[in-house]
N, C-alpha and C. Protein backbone atom coordinates (compact mmCIF):
# COMPACT_ATOMS: atom_id res chain seq x y z
N MET A 1 17.29 4.87 -8.35
CA MET A 1 18.42 5.02 -8.97
C MET A 1 19.00 6.45 -8.61
N ILE A 2 20.28 6.38 -8.07
CA ILE A 2 20.68 7.68 -7.86
C ILE A 2 22.00 8.02 -8.63
N ALA A 3 22.25 8.99 -8.99
CA ALA A 3 23.32 9.52 -10.37
C ALA A 3 24.08 10.30 -9.35
N GLY A 4 25.37 10.14 -9.68
CA GLY A 4 26.24 11.23 -8.93
C GLY A 4 26.67 12.20 -10.26
N SER A 5 26.69 13.58 -10.03
CA SER A 5 27.21 14.31 -10.98
C SER A 5 28.42 15.25 -10.43
N TYR A 6 29.51 15.17 -11.04
CA TYR A 6 30.43 15.85 -10.33
C TYR A 6 31.27 16.91 -11.47
N THR A 7 31.57 18.10 -10.67
CA THR A 7 31.86 19.29 -11.56
C THR A 7 32.88 19.89 -10.61
N PRO A 8 34.37 19.74 -10.77
CA PRO A 8 35.29 20.42 -9.89
C PRO A 8 35.16 21.92 -10.08
N THR A 9 35.21 22.71 -9.29
CA THR A 9 35.49 24.07 -9.04
C THR A 9 36.74 24.57 -8.87
N SER A 10 37.54 23.70 -8.15
CA SER A 10 38.86 24.44 -7.93
C SER A 10 39.89 22.93 -8.07
N VAL A 11 41.05 23.15 -7.83
CA VAL A 11 41.94 22.12 -7.86
C VAL A 11 41.67 21.15 -6.51
N ASP A 12 41.56 21.90 -5.30
CA ASP A 12 41.28 21.14 -4.10
C ASP A 12 40.03 20.13 -4.23
N ASP A 13 38.92 20.86 -5.16
CA ASP A 13 37.44 20.05 -5.12
C ASP A 13 37.85 18.73 -6.02
N ASP A 14 38.67 18.98 -6.78
CA ASP A 14 39.15 17.68 -7.99
C ASP A 14 39.57 16.62 -7.28
N SER A 15 40.49 17.18 -6.33
CA SER A 15 41.45 15.90 -5.51
C SER A 15 40.72 15.41 -4.39
N GLN A 16 39.17 16.00 -3.90
CA GLN A 16 38.55 15.20 -2.93
C GLN A 16 37.41 14.57 -3.76
N SER A 17 37.43 14.71 -4.74
CA SER A 17 36.19 14.03 -5.76
C SER A 17 34.67 14.35 -5.04
N ALA A 18 34.50 15.65 -5.24
CA ALA A 18 33.29 15.90 -4.25
C ALA A 18 32.22 15.89 -5.41
N TYR A 19 30.99 14.86 -4.96
CA TYR A 19 29.91 14.70 -5.98
C TYR A 19 28.76 15.23 -5.29
N VAL A 20 27.82 15.66 -6.45
CA VAL A 20 26.39 16.15 -5.94
C VAL A 20 25.55 15.00 -6.35
N VAL A 21 24.66 14.51 -5.39
CA VAL A 21 23.82 13.57 -5.37
C VAL A 21 22.78 13.99 -6.04
N VAL A 22 22.00 13.26 -7.36
CA VAL A 22 21.01 13.90 -7.84
C VAL A 22 19.74 12.89 -7.91
N GLU A 23 18.72 12.78 -7.27
CA GLU A 23 17.60 11.93 -7.33
C GLU A 23 16.97 11.84 -8.72
N LEU A 24 16.93 10.88 -9.45
CA LEU A 24 16.25 10.72 -10.46
C LEU A 24 14.70 10.30 -10.39
N GLU A 25 13.70 11.16 -11.14
CA GLU A 25 12.57 10.78 -11.13
C GLU A 25 12.09 9.30 -11.47
N GLY A 26 11.25 8.58 -10.57
CA GLY A 26 10.76 7.31 -10.90
C GLY A 26 11.65 6.32 -10.63
N ASP A 27 12.71 6.51 -9.80
CA ASP A 27 13.84 5.85 -9.54
C ASP A 27 13.69 4.46 -8.90
N SER A 28 12.46 4.20 -8.38
CA SER A 28 12.50 2.82 -7.96
C SER A 28 11.95 1.80 -8.85
N GLY A 29 11.36 2.21 -10.14
CA GLY A 29 10.93 1.22 -11.06
C GLY A 29 9.70 0.55 -10.69
N TRP A 30 9.12 0.91 -9.57
CA TRP A 30 7.99 0.11 -9.24
C TRP A 30 6.61 1.06 -9.51
N GLY A 31 6.69 2.02 -10.15
CA GLY A 31 5.48 2.71 -10.72
C GLY A 31 4.61 2.11 -11.60
N TRP A 32 3.18 1.98 -11.50
CA TRP A 32 2.37 1.26 -12.02
C TRP A 32 1.19 2.10 -12.84
N GLU A 33 1.47 3.56 -12.79
CA GLU A 33 0.40 4.73 -13.36
C GLU A 33 0.17 4.47 -14.79
N SER A 34 1.24 4.26 -15.70
CA SER A 34 0.87 4.00 -16.82
C SER A 34 0.18 2.82 -17.28
N LEU A 35 0.49 1.66 -16.68
CA LEU A 35 -0.27 0.61 -16.76
C LEU A 35 -1.63 0.58 -16.60
N ARG A 36 -2.20 1.51 -15.84
CA ARG A 36 -3.62 1.81 -15.61
C ARG A 36 -4.29 2.34 -16.91
N ASN A 37 -3.63 3.33 -17.36
CA ASN A 37 -3.95 4.12 -18.53
C ASN A 37 -4.09 3.24 -19.65
N ILE A 38 -3.07 2.31 -19.83
CA ILE A 38 -3.09 1.46 -21.05
C ILE A 38 -4.36 0.31 -20.82
N ASN A 39 -4.39 -0.21 -19.57
CA ASN A 39 -5.44 -1.25 -19.40
C ASN A 39 -6.72 -0.48 -19.59
N TYR A 40 -6.93 0.66 -19.13
CA TYR A 40 -8.17 1.29 -19.41
C TYR A 40 -8.59 1.66 -20.83
N PHE A 41 -7.68 2.00 -21.63
CA PHE A 41 -7.87 2.11 -23.23
C PHE A 41 -8.24 0.83 -23.77
N ILE A 42 -7.32 -0.38 -23.40
CA ILE A 42 -7.89 -1.58 -23.95
C ILE A 42 -9.23 -2.06 -23.70
N LEU A 43 -9.58 -1.95 -22.52
CA LEU A 43 -10.88 -2.29 -22.16
C LEU A 43 -11.96 -1.50 -22.72
N ASN A 44 -11.76 -0.01 -23.03
CA ASN A 44 -12.67 0.77 -23.35
C ASN A 44 -12.94 1.12 -24.74
N CYS A 45 -12.08 0.88 -25.51
CA CYS A 45 -11.79 1.16 -27.11
C CYS A 45 -12.66 -0.12 -27.69
N SER A 46 -13.15 -0.89 -27.30
CA SER A 46 -14.19 -1.81 -27.91
C SER A 46 -15.61 -1.39 -27.76
N ASP A 47 -16.00 -0.30 -27.35
CA ASP A 47 -17.12 -0.01 -27.10
C ASP A 47 -18.14 -0.15 -28.48
N ALA A 48 -19.12 -0.83 -28.64
CA ALA A 48 -20.03 -1.07 -29.63
C ALA A 48 -20.44 0.42 -30.54
N LYS A 49 -20.62 1.34 -29.76
CA LYS A 49 -20.87 2.58 -30.34
C LYS A 49 -19.86 3.33 -31.27
N LEU A 50 -18.76 2.93 -30.70
CA LEU A 50 -17.60 3.50 -31.27
C LEU A 50 -17.16 2.66 -32.43
N THR A 51 -17.04 1.24 -32.45
CA THR A 51 -16.41 0.14 -33.27
C THR A 51 -17.49 0.20 -34.40
N SER A 52 -18.41 0.40 -34.48
CA SER A 52 -19.37 0.42 -35.59
C SER A 52 -19.01 1.44 -36.73
N LYS A 53 -18.49 2.40 -36.10
CA LYS A 53 -18.10 3.72 -37.00
C LYS A 53 -16.97 3.86 -37.56
N ILE A 54 -15.99 2.86 -37.23
CA ILE A 54 -14.48 2.61 -37.50
C ILE A 54 -14.24 1.47 -38.15
N PRO A 55 -13.27 1.39 -39.20
CA PRO A 55 -13.20 0.44 -40.10
C PRO A 55 -12.19 -0.73 -39.13
N PRO A 56 -12.48 -2.05 -39.37
CA PRO A 56 -12.10 -3.07 -38.37
C PRO A 56 -10.48 -3.03 -38.43
N ASP A 57 -9.62 -2.68 -39.37
CA ASP A 57 -8.22 -2.74 -39.58
C ASP A 57 -8.02 -1.32 -38.29
N VAL A 58 -8.41 -0.37 -38.32
CA VAL A 58 -8.05 0.71 -37.48
C VAL A 58 -8.48 0.57 -36.18
N HIS A 59 -9.70 -0.34 -36.05
CA HIS A 59 -9.96 -0.77 -34.68
C HIS A 59 -9.09 -1.89 -33.98
N ARG A 60 -8.59 -2.53 -34.88
CA ARG A 60 -7.57 -3.38 -34.30
C ARG A 60 -6.21 -3.10 -34.16
N HIS A 61 -5.99 -1.93 -35.00
CA HIS A 61 -4.57 -1.02 -34.85
C HIS A 61 -4.28 -0.57 -33.35
N TYR A 62 -5.28 0.06 -32.73
CA TYR A 62 -5.07 1.00 -31.65
C TYR A 62 -4.91 0.11 -30.46
N PRO A 63 -5.68 -0.89 -30.16
CA PRO A 63 -5.48 -2.00 -29.35
C PRO A 63 -4.04 -2.80 -29.34
N GLY A 64 -3.66 -2.96 -30.65
CA GLY A 64 -2.41 -3.63 -30.76
C GLY A 64 -1.45 -2.59 -30.42
N VAL A 65 -1.35 -1.26 -30.58
CA VAL A 65 -0.30 -0.34 -30.05
C VAL A 65 -0.50 -0.44 -28.68
N ALA A 66 -1.61 -0.49 -27.99
CA ALA A 66 -1.79 -0.45 -26.53
C ALA A 66 -1.00 -1.65 -25.77
N LYS A 67 -1.31 -2.71 -26.51
CA LYS A 67 -0.72 -3.97 -26.12
C LYS A 67 0.62 -3.85 -26.14
N PHE A 68 1.28 -3.37 -27.10
CA PHE A 68 2.70 -3.28 -27.60
C PHE A 68 3.28 -2.59 -26.32
N PHE A 69 2.85 -1.35 -25.94
CA PHE A 69 3.22 -0.81 -24.66
C PHE A 69 2.79 -1.51 -23.49
N ARG A 70 1.92 -2.24 -23.23
CA ARG A 70 1.71 -2.98 -21.85
C ARG A 70 2.70 -4.07 -21.97
N ALA A 71 3.06 -4.82 -23.15
CA ALA A 71 4.07 -5.80 -23.20
C ALA A 71 5.50 -5.11 -22.53
N TRP A 72 5.79 -3.83 -23.19
CA TRP A 72 6.91 -3.14 -22.85
C TRP A 72 7.03 -2.98 -21.26
N PHE A 73 5.92 -2.38 -20.74
CA PHE A 73 5.99 -2.10 -19.36
C PHE A 73 5.99 -3.26 -18.71
N PHE A 74 5.43 -4.61 -18.86
CA PHE A 74 5.83 -5.83 -18.20
C PHE A 74 7.48 -6.27 -18.41
N PHE A 75 7.73 -5.91 -19.73
CA PHE A 75 8.93 -6.54 -19.96
C PHE A 75 10.15 -5.82 -18.94
N GLU A 76 9.84 -4.52 -18.88
CA GLU A 76 10.82 -3.81 -18.01
C GLU A 76 10.73 -4.29 -16.51
N LYS A 77 9.36 -4.34 -16.22
CA LYS A 77 9.26 -4.91 -14.70
C LYS A 77 9.68 -6.21 -14.53
N VAL A 78 9.60 -7.10 -15.40
CA VAL A 78 10.27 -8.52 -15.13
C VAL A 78 11.76 -8.56 -15.40
N LYS A 79 12.50 -7.69 -15.99
CA LYS A 79 13.61 -7.43 -16.12
C LYS A 79 14.42 -6.92 -14.77
N ARG A 80 13.72 -6.01 -14.27
CA ARG A 80 14.25 -5.28 -13.05
C ARG A 80 13.85 -6.35 -11.86
N PHE A 81 12.57 -6.94 -11.53
CA PHE A 81 12.34 -7.48 -10.52
C PHE A 81 12.05 -9.01 -10.57
N GLY A 82 12.10 -9.49 -11.49
CA GLY A 82 11.75 -11.01 -11.74
C GLY A 82 10.22 -11.23 -11.75
N ASP A 83 9.72 -11.86 -10.67
CA ASP A 83 8.17 -12.14 -10.49
C ASP A 83 7.54 -10.87 -10.39
N VAL A 84 6.52 -10.44 -11.03
CA VAL A 84 5.79 -9.29 -10.65
C VAL A 84 4.27 -9.56 -11.07
N PRO A 85 3.43 -8.92 -10.16
CA PRO A 85 1.79 -9.42 -10.62
C PRO A 85 1.10 -8.82 -11.93
N TRP A 86 0.71 -9.98 -12.68
CA TRP A 86 0.11 -9.39 -14.04
C TRP A 86 -1.20 -8.83 -13.72
N ILE A 87 -1.35 -7.40 -14.17
CA ILE A 87 -2.73 -6.83 -14.12
C ILE A 87 -3.31 -6.46 -15.43
N GLY A 88 -4.19 -7.26 -15.83
CA GLY A 88 -4.72 -6.98 -17.34
C GLY A 88 -6.03 -6.22 -17.33
N LYS A 89 -6.33 -5.49 -16.20
CA LYS A 89 -7.51 -4.59 -16.19
C LYS A 89 -7.10 -3.34 -15.67
N PRO A 90 -7.94 -2.33 -15.70
CA PRO A 90 -7.66 -1.01 -14.87
C PRO A 90 -8.36 -1.25 -13.53
N LEU A 91 -7.66 -0.96 -12.32
CA LEU A 91 -8.16 -1.06 -11.25
C LEU A 91 -8.43 -0.01 -10.67
N ASP A 92 -9.68 -0.01 -9.72
CA ASP A 92 -9.90 1.04 -9.13
C ASP A 92 -9.07 1.25 -7.70
N VAL A 93 -9.46 2.28 -7.05
CA VAL A 93 -8.96 2.84 -5.73
C VAL A 93 -9.24 1.37 -4.94
N GLU A 94 -10.43 0.82 -4.67
CA GLU A 94 -10.82 -0.18 -3.61
C GLU A 94 -10.42 -1.75 -4.16
N ASP A 95 -9.96 -1.66 -5.21
CA ASP A 95 -9.66 -3.09 -6.08
C ASP A 95 -9.02 -3.93 -5.01
N PRO A 96 -9.33 -5.10 -4.85
CA PRO A 96 -8.40 -5.89 -3.83
C PRO A 96 -7.07 -6.35 -4.87
N TYR A 97 -7.24 -6.23 -6.10
CA TYR A 97 -5.95 -6.49 -6.68
C TYR A 97 -4.96 -5.78 -6.54
N LEU A 98 -5.15 -4.59 -5.87
CA LEU A 98 -3.95 -3.81 -5.74
C LEU A 98 -2.94 -4.19 -4.60
N ASP A 99 -3.42 -5.30 -3.82
CA ASP A 99 -2.48 -6.11 -2.93
C ASP A 99 -2.28 -7.60 -3.42
N LYS A 100 -2.52 -7.54 -4.74
CA LYS A 100 -2.13 -8.85 -5.37
C LYS A 100 -0.64 -9.40 -5.12
N ALA A 101 -0.37 -10.67 -4.95
CA ALA A 101 0.83 -11.01 -5.00
C ALA A 101 1.54 -11.02 -6.13
N ARG A 102 2.97 -11.22 -6.29
CA ARG A 102 3.43 -11.62 -7.72
C ARG A 102 3.01 -12.97 -8.25
N ASP A 103 2.81 -12.78 -9.60
CA ASP A 103 2.59 -14.05 -10.23
C ASP A 103 3.99 -14.54 -10.82
N PRO A 104 3.83 -15.89 -11.20
CA PRO A 104 5.11 -16.48 -11.54
C PRO A 104 5.69 -15.85 -13.07
N ARG A 105 6.81 -15.89 -13.10
CA ARG A 105 7.57 -15.35 -14.29
C ARG A 105 6.78 -15.91 -15.57
N THR A 106 6.60 -17.30 -15.75
CA THR A 106 6.07 -17.91 -16.86
C THR A 106 4.59 -17.20 -17.23
N LEU A 107 3.88 -17.18 -16.19
CA LEU A 107 2.65 -16.57 -16.52
C LEU A 107 2.69 -14.88 -16.90
N VAL A 108 3.57 -14.02 -16.20
CA VAL A 108 3.60 -12.72 -16.96
C VAL A 108 4.53 -12.72 -18.34
N MET A 109 5.48 -13.55 -18.66
CA MET A 109 6.00 -13.63 -19.90
C MET A 109 5.07 -13.93 -21.07
N ASP A 110 4.54 -15.17 -20.74
CA ASP A 110 3.56 -15.53 -21.78
C ASP A 110 2.58 -14.50 -21.93
N SER A 111 2.00 -13.82 -21.18
CA SER A 111 1.12 -12.89 -21.39
C SER A 111 1.68 -11.87 -22.26
N VAL A 112 3.02 -11.36 -22.08
CA VAL A 112 3.76 -10.61 -22.54
C VAL A 112 3.96 -10.96 -24.07
N LEU A 113 4.22 -12.23 -24.37
CA LEU A 113 4.18 -12.55 -25.77
C LEU A 113 3.04 -12.72 -26.32
N ALA A 114 1.97 -12.99 -25.59
CA ALA A 114 0.39 -12.97 -26.37
C ALA A 114 0.19 -11.37 -26.55
N ASP A 115 0.55 -10.67 -25.87
CA ASP A 115 0.42 -9.12 -26.30
C ASP A 115 1.11 -8.66 -27.54
N LEU A 116 2.43 -9.26 -27.52
CA LEU A 116 3.12 -8.87 -28.76
C LEU A 116 2.67 -9.58 -29.90
N ASN A 117 2.16 -10.76 -29.88
CA ASN A 117 1.60 -11.36 -31.10
C ASN A 117 0.53 -10.61 -31.44
N TYR A 118 -0.33 -10.29 -30.71
CA TYR A 118 -1.44 -9.40 -31.11
C TYR A 118 -1.26 -8.17 -31.54
N ALA A 119 0.03 -7.62 -31.27
CA ALA A 119 0.33 -6.28 -31.67
C ALA A 119 1.05 -6.53 -33.05
N CYS A 120 1.65 -7.45 -33.28
CA CYS A 120 2.36 -7.89 -34.62
C CYS A 120 1.41 -8.00 -35.62
N GLN A 121 0.31 -8.85 -35.29
CA GLN A 121 -0.88 -9.14 -36.17
C GLN A 121 -1.75 -7.91 -36.54
N ASN A 122 -1.77 -6.94 -35.62
CA ASN A 122 -2.92 -5.95 -35.89
C ASN A 122 -2.35 -4.55 -35.95
N ILE A 123 -1.07 -4.31 -35.61
CA ILE A 123 -0.78 -2.99 -36.06
C ILE A 123 -0.48 -2.75 -37.50
N LYS A 124 -0.92 -1.61 -37.82
CA LYS A 124 -0.70 -1.54 -39.46
C LYS A 124 0.59 -1.09 -39.66
N THR A 125 1.07 -1.75 -40.99
CA THR A 125 2.39 -1.17 -41.58
C THR A 125 2.28 0.27 -42.31
N ALA A 126 2.88 0.99 -41.70
CA ALA A 126 2.65 2.54 -41.96
C ALA A 126 4.12 2.88 -42.74
N THR A 127 4.10 3.69 -43.66
CA THR A 127 5.27 4.52 -43.93
C THR A 127 5.09 5.90 -43.88
N GLU A 128 5.67 6.50 -43.13
CA GLU A 128 5.71 7.83 -42.92
C GLU A 128 6.99 8.44 -42.64
N THR A 129 7.38 9.56 -42.88
CA THR A 129 8.65 10.11 -42.91
C THR A 129 9.19 10.41 -41.60
N THR A 130 8.46 10.62 -40.56
CA THR A 130 9.11 11.11 -39.28
C THR A 130 9.72 9.71 -38.43
N ARG A 131 9.06 8.56 -38.63
CA ARG A 131 9.90 7.19 -38.24
C ARG A 131 9.40 7.51 -36.74
N SER A 132 8.08 8.03 -36.45
CA SER A 132 7.96 8.29 -34.90
C SER A 132 6.51 7.37 -34.73
N LEU A 133 6.04 6.36 -35.56
CA LEU A 133 5.14 5.61 -35.16
C LEU A 133 5.45 4.06 -34.87
N ILE A 134 4.58 3.62 -34.23
CA ILE A 134 4.66 2.25 -33.59
C ILE A 134 4.26 1.47 -34.93
N THR A 135 4.98 0.84 -35.66
CA THR A 135 4.49 -0.28 -36.84
C THR A 135 4.56 -1.47 -36.62
N LYS A 136 4.03 -2.04 -37.45
CA LYS A 136 4.17 -3.94 -37.35
C LYS A 136 5.48 -4.39 -37.15
N TYR A 137 6.47 -3.59 -37.76
CA TYR A 137 7.81 -4.03 -37.97
C TYR A 137 8.68 -3.67 -36.60
N ALA A 138 8.16 -2.70 -35.98
CA ALA A 138 8.82 -2.05 -34.71
C ALA A 138 7.99 -3.16 -33.72
N ALA A 139 6.97 -3.50 -33.98
CA ALA A 139 6.45 -4.51 -32.79
C ALA A 139 7.24 -6.01 -33.13
N TYR A 140 7.42 -6.33 -34.20
CA TYR A 140 8.24 -7.63 -34.64
C TYR A 140 9.53 -7.45 -33.87
N ALA A 141 10.35 -6.37 -34.24
CA ALA A 141 11.67 -5.88 -33.57
C ALA A 141 11.72 -6.32 -32.01
N PHE A 142 10.67 -5.66 -31.38
CA PHE A 142 10.53 -5.69 -30.16
C PHE A 142 10.31 -7.08 -29.56
N LYS A 143 9.54 -7.81 -30.25
CA LYS A 143 9.08 -9.19 -29.69
C LYS A 143 10.41 -10.00 -30.01
N ALA A 144 11.27 -9.75 -31.09
CA ALA A 144 12.51 -10.54 -31.26
C ALA A 144 13.57 -10.12 -29.94
N ARG A 145 13.47 -8.91 -29.57
CA ARG A 145 14.32 -8.42 -28.40
C ARG A 145 13.88 -9.29 -27.06
N VAL A 146 12.52 -9.23 -26.81
CA VAL A 146 11.80 -9.79 -25.75
C VAL A 146 12.37 -11.13 -25.64
N CYS A 147 12.00 -11.97 -26.81
CA CYS A 147 12.14 -13.35 -26.75
C CYS A 147 13.64 -13.80 -26.79
N LEU A 148 14.31 -13.24 -27.17
CA LEU A 148 15.77 -13.39 -27.09
C LEU A 148 16.10 -13.11 -25.74
N PHE A 149 15.73 -12.26 -24.97
CA PHE A 149 15.87 -11.80 -23.63
C PHE A 149 15.69 -13.26 -22.99
N GLU A 150 14.50 -13.55 -23.01
CA GLU A 150 13.51 -14.47 -22.13
C GLU A 150 14.06 -15.93 -22.35
N GLY A 151 14.47 -16.34 -23.84
CA GLY A 151 15.10 -17.63 -24.01
C GLY A 151 16.51 -17.66 -23.61
N THR A 152 16.98 -16.64 -23.51
CA THR A 152 18.68 -16.79 -22.79
C THR A 152 18.41 -16.89 -21.48
N PHE A 153 17.65 -16.01 -20.89
CA PHE A 153 17.37 -16.09 -19.45
C PHE A 153 16.90 -17.57 -18.92
N ARG A 154 16.00 -18.06 -19.70
CA ARG A 154 15.49 -19.58 -19.35
C ARG A 154 16.67 -20.81 -19.53
N LYS A 155 17.45 -20.23 -20.62
CA LYS A 155 18.36 -21.31 -21.08
C LYS A 155 19.54 -21.47 -19.93
N TYR A 156 20.01 -20.16 -19.39
CA TYR A 156 21.26 -19.95 -18.51
C TYR A 156 20.84 -19.95 -16.91
N HIS A 157 19.68 -19.69 -16.65
CA HIS A 157 19.05 -19.80 -15.31
C HIS A 157 18.56 -21.42 -14.98
N THR A 158 19.38 -22.25 -14.78
CA THR A 158 18.77 -23.58 -14.88
C THR A 158 18.08 -23.68 -13.50
N GLU A 159 18.38 -22.96 -12.40
CA GLU A 159 17.73 -23.10 -11.12
C GLU A 159 16.17 -22.67 -11.15
N LEU A 160 15.68 -22.37 -12.22
CA LEU A 160 14.24 -21.69 -12.11
C LEU A 160 13.52 -22.83 -12.81
N GLY A 161 14.25 -23.90 -13.47
CA GLY A 161 13.70 -24.92 -14.20
C GLY A 161 12.76 -24.67 -15.35
N LEU A 162 13.31 -23.72 -16.06
CA LEU A 162 12.51 -23.44 -17.36
C LEU A 162 13.20 -23.67 -18.47
N THR A 163 14.19 -24.42 -18.57
CA THR A 163 15.16 -24.62 -19.55
C THR A 163 14.34 -25.28 -20.81
N ASP A 164 13.23 -26.07 -20.21
CA ASP A 164 12.61 -26.90 -21.46
C ASP A 164 12.08 -25.90 -22.41
N SER A 165 11.53 -24.58 -21.90
CA SER A 165 10.82 -23.66 -22.76
C SER A 165 11.82 -22.74 -23.26
N ALA A 166 13.20 -22.90 -23.12
CA ALA A 166 14.16 -21.79 -23.81
C ALA A 166 14.01 -21.63 -25.15
N ASN A 167 14.22 -22.95 -25.75
CA ASN A 167 14.22 -22.90 -27.34
C ASN A 167 12.81 -22.38 -27.92
N GLU A 168 11.89 -22.59 -27.42
CA GLU A 168 10.45 -22.02 -27.85
C GLU A 168 10.69 -20.56 -27.96
N TRP A 169 11.32 -20.07 -26.97
CA TRP A 169 11.28 -18.35 -26.81
C TRP A 169 12.34 -18.27 -27.95
N LEU A 170 13.52 -18.83 -28.03
CA LEU A 170 14.50 -18.52 -29.09
C LEU A 170 14.20 -18.65 -30.37
N THR A 171 13.32 -19.59 -30.46
CA THR A 171 12.67 -19.71 -32.06
C THR A 171 11.80 -18.47 -32.42
N GLU A 172 11.03 -18.13 -31.45
CA GLU A 172 9.96 -16.92 -31.56
C GLU A 172 11.14 -15.67 -31.76
N ALA A 173 12.01 -15.65 -31.17
CA ALA A 173 13.01 -14.32 -31.65
C ALA A 173 13.61 -14.46 -32.74
N ALA A 174 13.98 -15.61 -33.31
CA ALA A 174 14.46 -15.95 -34.81
C ALA A 174 13.50 -15.58 -35.70
N ASP A 175 12.41 -16.12 -35.42
CA ASP A 175 11.09 -15.84 -36.42
C ASP A 175 10.76 -14.43 -36.78
N ALA A 176 10.66 -13.58 -35.62
CA ALA A 176 10.24 -12.10 -35.35
C ALA A 176 11.48 -11.47 -36.15
N ALA A 177 12.61 -11.69 -35.94
CA ALA A 177 13.69 -11.03 -36.39
C ALA A 177 13.94 -11.28 -37.85
N LYS A 178 13.64 -12.40 -38.50
CA LYS A 178 13.48 -12.66 -39.76
C LYS A 178 12.47 -12.19 -40.38
N LYS A 179 11.31 -11.70 -39.85
CA LYS A 179 10.26 -11.03 -40.38
C LYS A 179 10.69 -9.67 -40.48
N VAL A 180 11.24 -9.09 -39.49
CA VAL A 180 11.70 -7.79 -39.90
C VAL A 180 12.87 -7.69 -40.78
N MET A 181 13.68 -8.49 -41.13
CA MET A 181 14.70 -8.42 -42.08
C MET A 181 14.23 -8.66 -43.43
N ASP A 182 13.33 -9.22 -43.40
CA ASP A 182 12.70 -9.80 -45.09
C ASP A 182 11.55 -9.06 -45.57
N GLU A 183 10.96 -8.34 -44.56
CA GLU A 183 9.84 -7.73 -45.04
C GLU A 183 9.66 -5.93 -44.58
N SER A 184 10.39 -5.76 -43.79
CA SER A 184 10.24 -4.43 -43.30
C SER A 184 10.78 -3.31 -44.17
N GLY A 185 11.78 -3.51 -45.05
CA GLY A 185 12.32 -2.63 -46.15
C GLY A 185 13.09 -1.81 -45.25
């Protein structure tokens, strides 16, 4: 993405509409670095040496937060590119998955929904004054947003043949939004 920045320095510059082109960092949207970190955490946070020392609700909370961010990552990719490869594990430099073809939208978005469901069920409800933590209700609110987007996309993009599942997504959106309205305070 290229953004134009304009600052006239004289009347002549203003009349010629001189623009300075600024290249924004990460402009293509096809970066996958953060996904590796998320998948690495999800894979390695269930080490038996660690989990035996951590209360179960805490042990489920942090993978829930990681899955929230993985869902967000893939949601942004699907919005921008449509079909993308679903990668649910950390990849090494020589991994053949690095050249993986794009997966169908249904597989990716069903995986996003599964991650959001896990996040909603396992992220703890926290009350803290900074409002900077991902809480259960932040996960429900994001789930409502994702499901509303996907439901309406499937409903109005009839050429994809996904209209049969649109109402399921819209129902998930309504249920998640209701949870936020009724319980989040």
